[in-house]
Amino acid sequence: MRHLVDQLYFMALALINTVHGWLPFFVRPVLYRVCGFRIHRSATLQGGIRFFHVGRLRVGEGSLINRGVYLDNRGGIEIGRHVSIAHDAKLYTMGHDP
């Protein structure tokens, strides 16, 4: 049963990673809230960002995350105010050994 739950979780995460890039910018905040992300209303998340976990992400006022960024938010990521993350950057919070 646990295997089935894990598979459904990863399928949902893959769907989120695919769909959020297609959504208009004014609809994305709704998806982010449903996913448990805390994104300030003045922050910008470009399309093509890859999330490794649902939740455990906070983005502060006026921050920008560019296209192609990979966020391994399993351990939680908190991005402060007025931070800009370059395209194709990778932020890791965990490795193979938990």
PDB file of N, CA and C in Angstrom:
ATOM      1  N   MET A   1       0.820  -1.191   0.000  1.00  0.00           N
ATOM      2  CA  MET A   1       0.000   0.000   0.000  1.00  0.00           C
ATOM      3  C   MET A   1       0.870   1.264   0.000  1.00  0.00           C
ATOM      4  N   ARG A   2       1.959   1.212   0.789  1.00  0.00           N
ATOM      5  CA  ARG A   2       2.853   2.372   0.860  1.00  0.00           C
ATOM      6  C   ARG A   2       3.451   2.684  -0.507  1.00  0.00           C
ATOM      7  N   HIS A   3       3.770   1.645  -1.261  1.00  0.00           N
ATOM      8  CA  HIS A   3       4.326   1.827  -2.594  1.00  0.00           C
ATOM      9  C   HIS A   3       3.332   2.563  -3.503  1.00  0.00           C
ATOM     10  N   LEU A   4       2.071   2.209  -3.422  1.00  0.00           N
ATOM     11  CA  LEU A   4       1.035   2.860  -4.219  1.00  0.00           C
ATOM     12  C   LEU A   4       0.916   4.335  -3.854  1.00  0.00           C
ATOM     13  N   VAL A   5       0.930   4.644  -2.575  1.00  0.00           N
ATOM     14  CA  VAL A   5       0.845   6.032  -2.119  1.00  0.00           C
ATOM     15  C   VAL A   5       2.044   6.827  -2.625  1.00  0.00           C
ATOM     16  N   ASP A   6       3.240   6.249  -2.545  1.00  0.00           N
ATOM     17  CA  ASP A   6       4.444   6.919  -3.053  1.00  0.00           C
ATOM     18  C   ASP A   6       4.336   7.197  -4.544  1.00  0.00           C
ATOM     19  N   GLN A   7       3.852   6.221  -5.294  1.00  0.00           N
ATOM     20  CA  GLN A   7       3.708   6.398  -6.733  1.00  0.00           C
ATOM     21  C   GLN A   7       2.705   7.501  -7.070  1.00  0.00           C
ATOM     22  N   LEU A   8       1.592   7.536  -6.354  1.00  0.00           N
ATOM     23  CA  LEU A   8       0.594   8.586  -6.587  1.00  0.00           C
ATOM     24  C   LEU A   8       1.158   9.974  -6.252  1.00  0.00           C
ATOM     25  N   TYR A   9       1.948  10.045  -5.173  1.00  0.00           N
ATOM     26  CA  TYR A   9       2.567  11.313  -4.792  1.00  0.00           C
ATOM     27  C   TYR A   9       3.494  11.815  -5.900  1.00  0.00           C
ATOM     28  N   PHE A  10       4.359  10.933  -6.417  1.00  0.00           N
ATOM     29  CA  PHE A  10       5.299  11.347  -7.457  1.00  0.00           C
ATOM     30  C   PHE A  10       4.596  11.684  -8.765  1.00  0.00           C
ATOM     31  N   MET A  11       3.484  11.020  -9.045  1.00  0.00           N
ATOM     32  CA  MET A  11       2.700  11.362 -10.234  1.00  0.00           C
ATOM     33  C   MET A  11       2.091  12.754 -10.081  1.00  0.00           C
ATOM     34  N   ALA A  12       1.575  13.057  -8.890  1.00  0.00           N
ATOM     35  CA  ALA A  12       1.000  14.380  -8.634  1.00  0.00           C
ATOM     36  C   ALA A  12       2.073  15.456  -8.724  1.00  0.00           C
ATOM     37  N   LEU A  13       3.252  15.190  -8.192  1.00  0.00           N
ATOM     38  CA  LEU A  13       4.351  16.147  -8.255  1.00  0.00           C
ATOM     39  C   LEU A  13       4.790  16.392  -9.697  1.00  0.00           C
ATOM     40  N   ALA A  14       4.835  15.341 -10.496  1.00  0.00           N
ATOM     41  CA  ALA A  14       5.183  15.492 -11.911  1.00  0.00           C
ATOM     42  C   ALA A  14       4.138  16.343 -12.632  1.00  0.00           C
ATOM     43  N   LEU A  15       2.884  16.141 -12.300  1.00  0.00           N
ATOM     44  CA  LEU A  15       1.815  16.943 -12.890  1.00  0.00           C
ATOM     45  C   LEU A  15       1.963  18.417 -12.509  1.00  0.00           C
ATOM     46  N   ILE A  16       2.255  18.683 -11.238  1.00  0.00           N
ATOM     47  CA  ILE A  16       2.449  20.067 -10.776  1.00  0.00           C
ATOM     48  C   ILE A  16       3.617  20.706 -11.517  1.00  0.00           C
ATOM     49  N   ASN A  17       4.735  19.985 -11.631  1.00  0.00           N
ATOM     50  CA  ASN A  17       5.909  20.523 -12.319  1.00  0.00           C
ATOM     51  C   ASN A  17       5.638  20.816 -13.785  1.00  0.00           C
ATOM     52  N   THR A  18       4.750  20.063 -14.389  1.00  0.00           N
ATOM     53  CA  THR A  18       4.422  20.282 -15.792  1.00  0.00           C
ATOM     54  C   THR A  18       3.415  21.415 -15.961  1.00  0.00           C
ATOM     55  N   VAL A  19       2.376  21.394 -15.167  1.00  0.00           N
ATOM     56  CA  VAL A  19       1.250  22.317 -15.346  1.00  0.00           C
ATOM     57  C   VAL A  19       1.585  23.750 -14.954  1.00  0.00           C
ATOM     58  N   HIS A  20       2.358  23.960 -13.887  1.00  0.00           N
ATOM     59  CA  HIS A  20       2.537  25.331 -13.397  1.00  0.00           C
ATOM     60  C   HIS A  20       3.204  26.230 -14.437  1.00  0.00           C
ATOM     61  N   GLY A  21       4.019  25.672 -15.321  1.00  0.00           N
ATOM     62  CA  GLY A  21       4.644  26.478 -16.367  1.00  0.00           C
ATOM     63  C   GLY A  21       3.671  26.911 -17.450  1.00  0.00           C
ATOM     64  N   TRP A  22       2.581  26.203 -17.598  1.00  0.00           N
ATOM     65  CA  TRP A  22       1.584  26.528 -18.617  1.00  0.00           C
ATOM     66  C   TRP A  22       0.554  27.525 -18.124  1.00  0.00           C
ATOM     67  N   LEU A  23       0.431  27.644 -16.814  1.00  0.00           N
ATOM     68  CA  LEU A  23      -0.610  28.505 -16.254  1.00  0.00           C
ATOM     69  C   LEU A  23      -0.241  29.977 -16.397  1.00  0.00           C
ATOM     70  N   PRO A  24      -1.244  30.832 -16.604  1.00  0.00           N
ATOM     71  CA  PRO A  24      -0.967  32.272 -16.606  1.00  0.00           C
ATOM     72  C   PRO A  24      -0.464  32.704 -15.226  1.00  0.00           C
ATOM     73  N   PHE A  25       0.341  33.766 -15.203  1.00  0.00           N
ATOM     74  CA  PHE A  25       0.970  34.206 -13.955  1.00  0.00           C
ATOM     75  C   PHE A  25      -0.032  34.500 -12.849  1.00  0.00           C
ATOM     76  N   PHE A  26      -1.234  34.942 -13.190  1.00  0.00           N
ATOM     77  CA  PHE A  26      -2.215  35.297 -12.163  1.00  0.00           C
ATOM     78  C   PHE A  26      -2.938  34.075 -11.597  1.00  0.00           C
ATOM     79  N   VAL A  27      -2.791  32.904 -12.221  1.00  0.00           N
ATOM     80  CA  VAL A  27      -3.413  31.671 -11.728  1.00  0.00           C
ATOM     81  C   VAL A  27      -2.425  30.856 -10.886  1.00  0.00           C
ATOM     82  N   ARG A  28      -1.131  31.024 -11.144  1.00  0.00           N
ATOM     83  CA  ARG A  28      -0.106  30.240 -10.440  1.00  0.00           C
ATOM     84  C   ARG A  28      -0.191  30.345  -8.923  1.00  0.00           C
ATOM     85  N   PRO A  29      -0.445  31.532  -8.347  1.00  0.00           N
ATOM     86  CA  PRO A  29      -0.517  31.599  -6.876  1.00  0.00           C
ATOM     87  C   PRO A  29      -1.541  30.646  -6.259  1.00  0.00           C
ATOM     88  N   VAL A  30      -2.614  30.379  -6.958  1.00  0.00           N
ATOM     89  CA  VAL A  30      -3.621  29.436  -6.453  1.00  0.00           C
ATOM     90  C   VAL A  30      -3.012  28.037  -6.365  1.00  0.00           C
ATOM     91  N   LEU A  31      -2.310  27.617  -7.412  1.00  0.00           N
ATOM     92  CA  LEU A  31      -1.653  26.309  -7.405  1.00  0.00           C
ATOM     93  C   LEU A  31      -0.610  26.243  -6.297  1.00  0.00           C
ATOM     94  N   TYR A  32       0.159  27.299  -6.128  1.00  0.00           N
ATOM     95  CA  TYR A  32       1.191  27.316  -5.089  1.00  0.00           C
ATOM     96  C   TYR A  32       0.583  27.184  -3.697  1.00  0.00           C
ATOM     97  N   ARG A  33      -0.538  27.854  -3.465  1.00  0.00           N
ATOM     98  CA  ARG A  33      -1.213  27.733  -2.163  1.00  0.00           C
ATOM     99  C   ARG A  33      -1.710  26.320  -1.930  1.00  0.00           C
ATOM    100  N   VAL A  34      -2.293  25.713  -2.959  1.00  0.00           N
ATOM    101  CA  VAL A  34      -2.783  24.338  -2.854  1.00  0.00           C
ATOM    102  C   VAL A  34      -1.624  23.380  -2.546  1.00  0.00           C
ATOM    103  N   CYS A  35      -0.459  23.670  -3.084  1.00  0.00           N
ATOM    104  CA  CYS A  35       0.729  22.835  -2.856  1.00  0.00           C
ATOM    105  C   CYS A  35       1.386  23.095  -1.511  1.00  0.00           C
ATOM    106  N   GLY A  36       0.925  24.093  -0.782  1.00  0.00           N
ATOM    107  CA  GLY A  36       1.487  24.385   0.524  1.00  0.00           C
ATOM    108  C   GLY A  36       2.685  25.313   0.497  1.00  0.00           C
ATOM    109  N   PHE A  37       2.965  25.922  -0.663  1.00  0.00           N
ATOM    110  CA  PHE A  37       4.055  26.885  -0.756  1.00  0.00           C
ATOM    111  C   PHE A  37       3.580  28.223  -0.192  1.00  0.00           C
ATOM    112  N   ARG A  38       4.487  28.967   0.433  1.00  0.00           N
ATOM    113  CA  ARG A  38       4.161  30.300   0.941  1.00  0.00           C
ATOM    114  C   ARG A  38       4.953  31.309   0.110  1.00  0.00           C
ATOM    115  N   ILE A  39       4.275  31.891  -0.854  1.00  0.00           N
ATOM    116  CA  ILE A  39       4.899  32.812  -1.796  1.00  0.00           C
ATOM    117  C   ILE A  39       4.303  34.198  -1.571  1.00  0.00           C
ATOM    118  N   HIS A  40       5.155  35.190  -1.310  1.00  0.00           N
ATOM    119  CA  HIS A  40       4.665  36.556  -1.122  1.00  0.00           C
ATOM    120  C   HIS A  40       4.028  37.032  -2.418  1.00  0.00           C
ATOM    121  N   ARG A  41       3.002  37.849  -2.317  1.00  0.00           N
ATOM    122  CA  ARG A  41       2.261  38.276  -3.512  1.00  0.00           C
ATOM    123  C   ARG A  41       3.098  39.089  -4.483  1.00  0.00           C
ATOM    124  N   SER A  42       4.183  39.716  -4.013  1.00  0.00           N
ATOM    125  CA  SER A  42       5.033  40.491  -4.921  1.00  0.00           C
ATOM    126  C   SER A  42       6.204  39.674  -5.473  1.00  0.00           C
ATOM    127  N   ALA A  43       6.319  38.423  -5.077  1.00  0.00           N
ATOM    128  CA  ALA A  43       7.393  37.552  -5.594  1.00  0.00           C
ATOM    129  C   ALA A  43       6.988  37.007  -6.961  1.00  0.00           C
ATOM    130  N   THR A  44       7.991  36.678  -7.776  1.00  0.00           N
ATOM    131  CA  THR A  44       7.746  36.146  -9.115  1.00  0.00           C
ATOM    132  C   THR A  44       8.443  34.813  -9.278  1.00  0.00           C
ATOM    133  N   LEU A  45       7.692  33.803  -9.692  1.00  0.00           N
ATOM    134  CA  LEU A  45       8.249  32.499 -10.024  1.00  0.00           C
ATOM    135  C   LEU A  45       7.983  32.264 -11.500  1.00  0.00           C
ATOM    136  N   GLN A  46       9.044  32.198 -12.279  1.00  0.00           N
ATOM    137  CA  GLN A  46       8.922  31.987 -13.711  1.00  0.00           C
ATOM    138  C   GLN A  46       8.490  30.553 -13.995  1.00  0.00           C
ATOM    139  N   GLY A  47       8.082  30.284 -15.217  1.00  0.00           N
ATOM    140  CA  GLY A  47       7.732  28.931 -15.613  1.00  0.00           C
ATOM    141  C   GLY A  47       8.974  28.061 -15.706  1.00  0.00           C
ATOM    142  N   GLY A  48       8.797  26.775 -15.713  1.00  0.00           N
ATOM    143  CA  GLY A  48       9.917  25.859 -15.880  1.00  0.00           C
ATOM    144  C   GLY A  48      10.691  25.567 -14.612  1.00  0.00           C
ATOM    145  N   ILE A  49      10.187  25.979 -13.453  1.00  0.00           N
ATOM    146  CA  ILE A  49      10.826  25.662 -12.181  1.00  0.00           C
ATOM    147  C   ILE A  49      10.446  24.236 -11.820  1.00  0.00           C
ATOM    148  N   ARG A  50      11.407  23.467 -11.306  1.00  0.00           N
ATOM    149  CA  ARG A  50      11.154  22.079 -10.900  1.00  0.00           C
ATOM    150  C   ARG A  50      11.176  21.996  -9.381  1.00  0.00           C
ATOM    151  N   PHE A  51      10.113  21.475  -8.816  1.00  0.00           N
ATOM    152  CA  PHE A  51      10.008  21.283  -7.369  1.00  0.00           C
ATOM    153  C   PHE A  51      10.224  19.805  -7.061  1.00  0.00           C
ATOM    154  N   PHE A  52      10.896  19.525  -5.959  1.00  0.00           N
ATOM    155  CA  PHE A  52      11.141  18.144  -5.581  1.00  0.00           C
ATOM    156  C   PHE A  52      10.197  17.676  -4.482  1.00  0.00           C
ATOM    157  N   HIS A  53       9.448  18.591  -3.907  1.00  0.00           N
ATOM    158  CA  HIS A  53       8.561  18.242  -2.802  1.00  0.00           C
ATOM    159  C   HIS A  53       7.403  19.236  -2.786  1.00  0.00           C
ATOM    160  N   VAL A  54       6.279  18.814  -2.251  1.00  0.00           N
ATOM    161  CA  VAL A  54       5.142  19.710  -2.058  1.00  0.00           C
ATOM    162  C   VAL A  54       5.293  20.349  -0.686  1.00  0.00           C
ATOM    163  N   GLY A  55       5.086  21.656  -0.609  1.00  0.00           N
ATOM    164  CA  GLY A  55       5.267  22.385   0.646  1.00  0.00           C
ATOM    165  C   GLY A  55       6.729  22.704   0.891  1.00  0.00           C
ATOM    166  N   ARG A  56       7.025  23.152   2.100  1.00  0.00           N
ATOM    167  CA  ARG A  56       8.388  23.436   2.537  1.00  0.00           C
ATOM    168  C   ARG A  56       9.117  24.454   1.668  1.00  0.00           C
ATOM    169  N   LEU A  57       8.369  25.439   1.168  1.00  0.00           N
ATOM    170  CA  LEU A  57       8.981  26.500   0.377  1.00  0.00           C
ATOM    171  C   LEU A  57       8.361  27.828   0.766  1.00  0.00           C
ATOM    172  N   ARG A  58       9.223  28.794   1.095  1.00  0.00           N
ATOM    173  CA  ARG A  58       8.790  30.160   1.381  1.00  0.00           C
ATOM    174  C   ARG A  58       9.606  31.104   0.517  1.00  0.00           C
ATOM    175  N   VAL A  59       8.916  32.045  -0.108  1.00  0.00           N
ATOM    176  CA  VAL A  59       9.592  33.041  -0.933  1.00  0.00           C
ATOM    177  C   VAL A  59       9.123  34.411  -0.463  1.00  0.00           C
ATOM    178  N   GLY A  60      10.086  35.273  -0.136  1.00  0.00           N
ATOM    179  CA  GLY A  60       9.784  36.573   0.443  1.00  0.00           C
ATOM    180  C   GLY A  60       9.436  37.645  -0.583  1.00  0.00           C
ATOM    181  N   GLU A  61       9.126  38.785  -0.060  1.00  0.00           N
ATOM    182  CA  GLU A  61       8.690  39.965  -0.816  1.00  0.00           C
ATOM    183  C   GLU A  61       9.697  40.350  -1.900  1.00  0.00           C
ATOM    184  N   GLY A  62       9.181  40.581  -3.103  1.00  0.00           N
ATOM    185  CA  GLY A  62       9.992  41.094  -4.195  1.00  0.00           C
ATOM    186  C   GLY A  62      11.042  40.145  -4.745  1.00  0.00           C
ATOM    187  N   SER A  63      10.996  38.883  -4.381  1.00  0.00           N
ATOM    188  CA  SER A  63      12.005  37.930  -4.862  1.00  0.00           C
ATOM    189  C   SER A  63      11.629  37.390  -6.234  1.00  0.00           C
ATOM    190  N   LEU A  64      12.641  36.916  -6.954  1.00  0.00           N
ATOM    191  CA  LEU A  64      12.454  36.400  -8.304  1.00  0.00           C
ATOM    192  C   LEU A  64      13.185  35.073  -8.447  1.00  0.00           C
ATOM    193  N   ILE A  65      12.467  34.060  -8.916  1.00  0.00           N
ATOM    194  CA  ILE A  65      13.076  32.774  -9.240  1.00  0.00           C
ATOM    195  C   ILE A  65      12.894  32.582 -10.743  1.00  0.00           C
ATOM    196  N   ASN A  66      14.011  32.526 -11.454  1.00  0.00           N
ATOM    197  CA  ASN A  66      13.990  32.468 -12.914  1.00  0.00           C
ATOM    198  C   ASN A  66      13.678  31.079 -13.444  1.00  0.00           C
ATOM    199  N   ARG A  67      13.560  30.998 -14.764  1.00  0.00           N
ATOM    200  CA  ARG A  67      13.236  29.761 -15.461  1.00  0.00           C
ATOM    201  C   ARG A  67      14.301  28.690 -15.237  1.00  0.00           C
ATOM    202  N   GLY A  68      13.855  27.449 -15.189  1.00  0.00           N
ATOM    203  CA  GLY A  68      14.769  26.324 -15.140  1.00  0.00           C
ATOM    204  C   GLY A  68      15.413  26.063 -13.790  1.00  0.00           C
ATOM    205  N   VAL A  69      14.997  26.772 -12.752  1.00  0.00           N
ATOM    206  CA  VAL A  69      15.576  26.556 -11.423  1.00  0.00           C
ATOM    207  C   VAL A  69      15.049  25.248 -10.851  1.00  0.00           C
ATOM    208  N   TYR A  70      15.937  24.490 -10.198  1.00  0.00           N
ATOM    209  CA  TYR A  70      15.583  23.224  -9.562  1.00  0.00           C
ATOM    210  C   TYR A  70      15.606  23.443  -8.058  1.00  0.00           C
ATOM    211  N   LEU A  71      14.471  23.241  -7.409  1.00  0.00           N
ATOM    212  CA  LEU A  71      14.356  23.439  -5.968  1.00  0.00           C
ATOM    213  C   LEU A  71      14.112  22.105  -5.274  1.00  0.00           C
ATOM    214  N   ASP A  72      15.145  21.588  -4.623  1.00  0.00           N
ATOM    215  CA  ASP A  72      15.013  20.374  -3.829  1.00  0.00           C
ATOM    216  C   ASP A  72      14.583  20.817  -2.439  1.00  0.00           C
ATOM    217  N   ASN A  73      13.293  20.991  -2.265  1.00  0.00           N
ATOM    218  CA  ASN A  73      12.761  21.555  -1.017  1.00  0.00           C
ATOM    219  C   ASN A  73      12.336  20.492  -0.012  1.00  0.00           C
ATOM    220  N   ARG A  74      12.928  19.312  -0.066  1.00  0.00           N
ATOM    221  CA  ARG A  74      12.598  18.264   0.903  1.00  0.00           C
ATOM    222  C   ARG A  74      12.934  18.691   2.327  1.00  0.00           C
ATOM    223  N   GLY A  75      14.034  19.403   2.490  1.00  0.00           N
ATOM    224  CA  GLY A  75      14.445  19.866   3.817  1.00  0.00           C
ATOM    225  C   GLY A  75      13.940  21.263   4.128  1.00  0.00           C
ATOM    226  N   GLY A  76      13.221  21.867   3.205  1.00  0.00           N
ATOM    227  CA  GLY A  76      12.689  23.208   3.387  1.00  0.00           C
ATOM    228  C   GLY A  76      13.625  24.265   2.826  1.00  0.00           C
ATOM    229  N   ILE A  77      13.060  25.217   2.107  1.00  0.00           N
ATOM    230  CA  ILE A  77      13.812  26.341   1.554  1.00  0.00           C
ATOM    231  C   ILE A  77      13.080  27.613   1.940  1.00  0.00           C
ATOM    232  N   GLU A  78      13.818  28.563   2.485  1.00  0.00           N
ATOM    233  CA  GLU A  78      13.263  29.879   2.782  1.00  0.00           C
ATOM    234  C   GLU A  78      14.109  30.922   2.062  1.00  0.00           C
ATOM    235  N   ILE A  79      13.502  31.580   1.097  1.00  0.00           N
ATOM    236  CA  ILE A  79      14.165  32.615   0.316  1.00  0.00           C
ATOM    237  C   ILE A  79      13.689  33.956   0.854  1.00  0.00           C
ATOM    238  N   GLY A  80      14.606  34.806   1.224  1.00  0.00           N
ATOM    239  CA  GLY A  80      14.278  36.075   1.866  1.00  0.00           C
ATOM    240  C   GLY A  80      13.697  37.122   0.927  1.00  0.00           C
ATOM    241  N   ARG A  81      13.738  38.362   1.386  1.00  0.00           N
ATOM    242  CA  ARG A  81      13.190  39.493   0.624  1.00  0.00           C
ATOM    243  C   ARG A  81      14.189  39.964  -0.429  1.00  0.00           C
ATOM    244  N   HIS A  82      13.665  40.307  -1.609  1.00  0.00           N
ATOM    245  CA  HIS A  82      14.430  40.903  -2.706  1.00  0.00           C
ATOM    246  C   HIS A  82      15.632  40.050  -3.115  1.00  0.00           C
ATOM    247  N   VAL A  83      15.396  38.755  -3.254  1.00  0.00           N
ATOM    248  CA  VAL A  83      16.419  37.801  -3.688  1.00  0.00           C
ATOM    249  C   VAL A  83      16.129  37.435  -5.134  1.00  0.00           C
ATOM    250  N   SER A  84      17.176  37.327  -5.935  1.00  0.00           N
ATOM    251  CA  SER A  84      17.026  36.899  -7.320  1.00  0.00           C
ATOM    252  C   SER A  84      17.857  35.638  -7.526  1.00  0.00           C
ATOM    253  N   ILE A  85      17.243  34.598  -8.054  1.00  0.00           N
ATOM    254  CA  ILE A  85      17.935  33.338  -8.319  1.00  0.00           C
ATOM    255  C   ILE A  85      18.032  33.182  -9.833  1.00  0.00           C
ATOM    256  N   ALA A  86      19.268  33.019 -10.320  1.00  0.00           N
ATOM    257  CA  ALA A  86      19.543  32.965 -11.750  1.00  0.00           C
ATOM    258  C   ALA A  86      18.929  31.733 -12.401  1.00  0.00           C
ATOM    259  N   HIS A  87      18.717  31.830 -13.718  1.00  0.00           N
ATOM    260  CA  HIS A  87      18.141  30.698 -14.450  1.00  0.00           C
ATOM    261  C   HIS A  87      19.049  29.475 -14.355  1.00  0.00           C
ATOM    262  N   ASP A  88      18.414  28.329 -14.333  1.00  0.00           N
ATOM    263  CA  ASP A  88      19.080  27.018 -14.280  1.00  0.00           C
ATOM    264  C   ASP A  88      19.895  26.769 -13.007  1.00  0.00           C
ATOM    265  N   ALA A  89      19.687  27.560 -11.966  1.00  0.00           N
ATOM    266  CA  ALA A  89      20.367  27.308 -10.687  1.00  0.00           C
ATOM    267  C   ALA A  89      19.725  26.094 -10.013  1.00  0.00           C
ATOM    268  N   LYS A  90      20.486  25.453  -9.127  1.00  0.00           N
ATOM    269  CA  LYS A  90      19.978  24.294  -8.391  1.00  0.00           C
ATOM    270  C   LYS A  90      20.211  24.521  -6.906  1.00  0.00           C
ATOM    271  N   LEU A  91      19.146  24.387  -6.114  1.00  0.00           N
ATOM    272  CA  LEU A  91      19.234  24.514  -4.666  1.00  0.00           C
ATOM    273  C   LEU A  91      18.879  23.174  -4.054  1.00  0.00           C
ATOM    274  N   TYR A  92      19.845  22.576  -3.344  1.00  0.00           N
ATOM    275  CA  TYR A  92      19.645  21.272  -2.725  1.00  0.00           C
ATOM    276  C   TYR A  92      19.585  21.415  -1.214  1.00  0.00           C
ATOM    277  N   THR A  93      18.674  20.686  -0.588  1.00  0.00           N
ATOM    278  CA  THR A  93      18.592  20.684   0.868  1.00  0.00           C
ATOM    279  C   THR A  93      18.900  19.311   1.444  1.00  0.00           C
ATOM    280  N   MET A  94      18.947  18.294   0.605  1.00  0.00           N
ATOM    281  CA  MET A  94      19.252  16.931   1.050  1.00  0.00           C
ATOM    282  C   MET A  94      20.039  16.226  -0.046  1.00  0.00           C
ATOM    283  N   GLY A  95      20.785  15.225   0.364  1.00  0.00           N
ATOM    284  CA  GLY A  95      21.499  14.392  -0.589  1.00  0.00           C
ATOM    285  C   GLY A  95      20.900  13.002  -0.597  1.00  0.00           C
ATOM    286  N   HIS A  96      21.700  12.048  -0.980  1.00  0.00           N
ATOM    287  CA  HIS A  96      21.222  10.665  -1.009  1.00  0.00           C
ATOM    288  C   HIS A  96      21.097  10.071   0.389  1.00  0.00           C
ATOM    289  N   ASP A  97      21.949  10.509   1.298  1.00  0.00           N
ATOM    290  CA  ASP A  97      21.923   9.995   2.665  1.00  0.00           C
ATOM    291  C   ASP A  97      21.115  10.934   3.544  1.00  0.00           C
ATOM    292  N   PRO A  98      19.910  10.518   3.982  1.00  0.00           N
ATOM    293  CA  PRO A  98      19.066  11.429   4.767  1.00  0.00           C
ATOM    294  C   PRO A  98      19.655  11.842   6.086  1.00  0.00           C
TER     295      PRO A  98
END
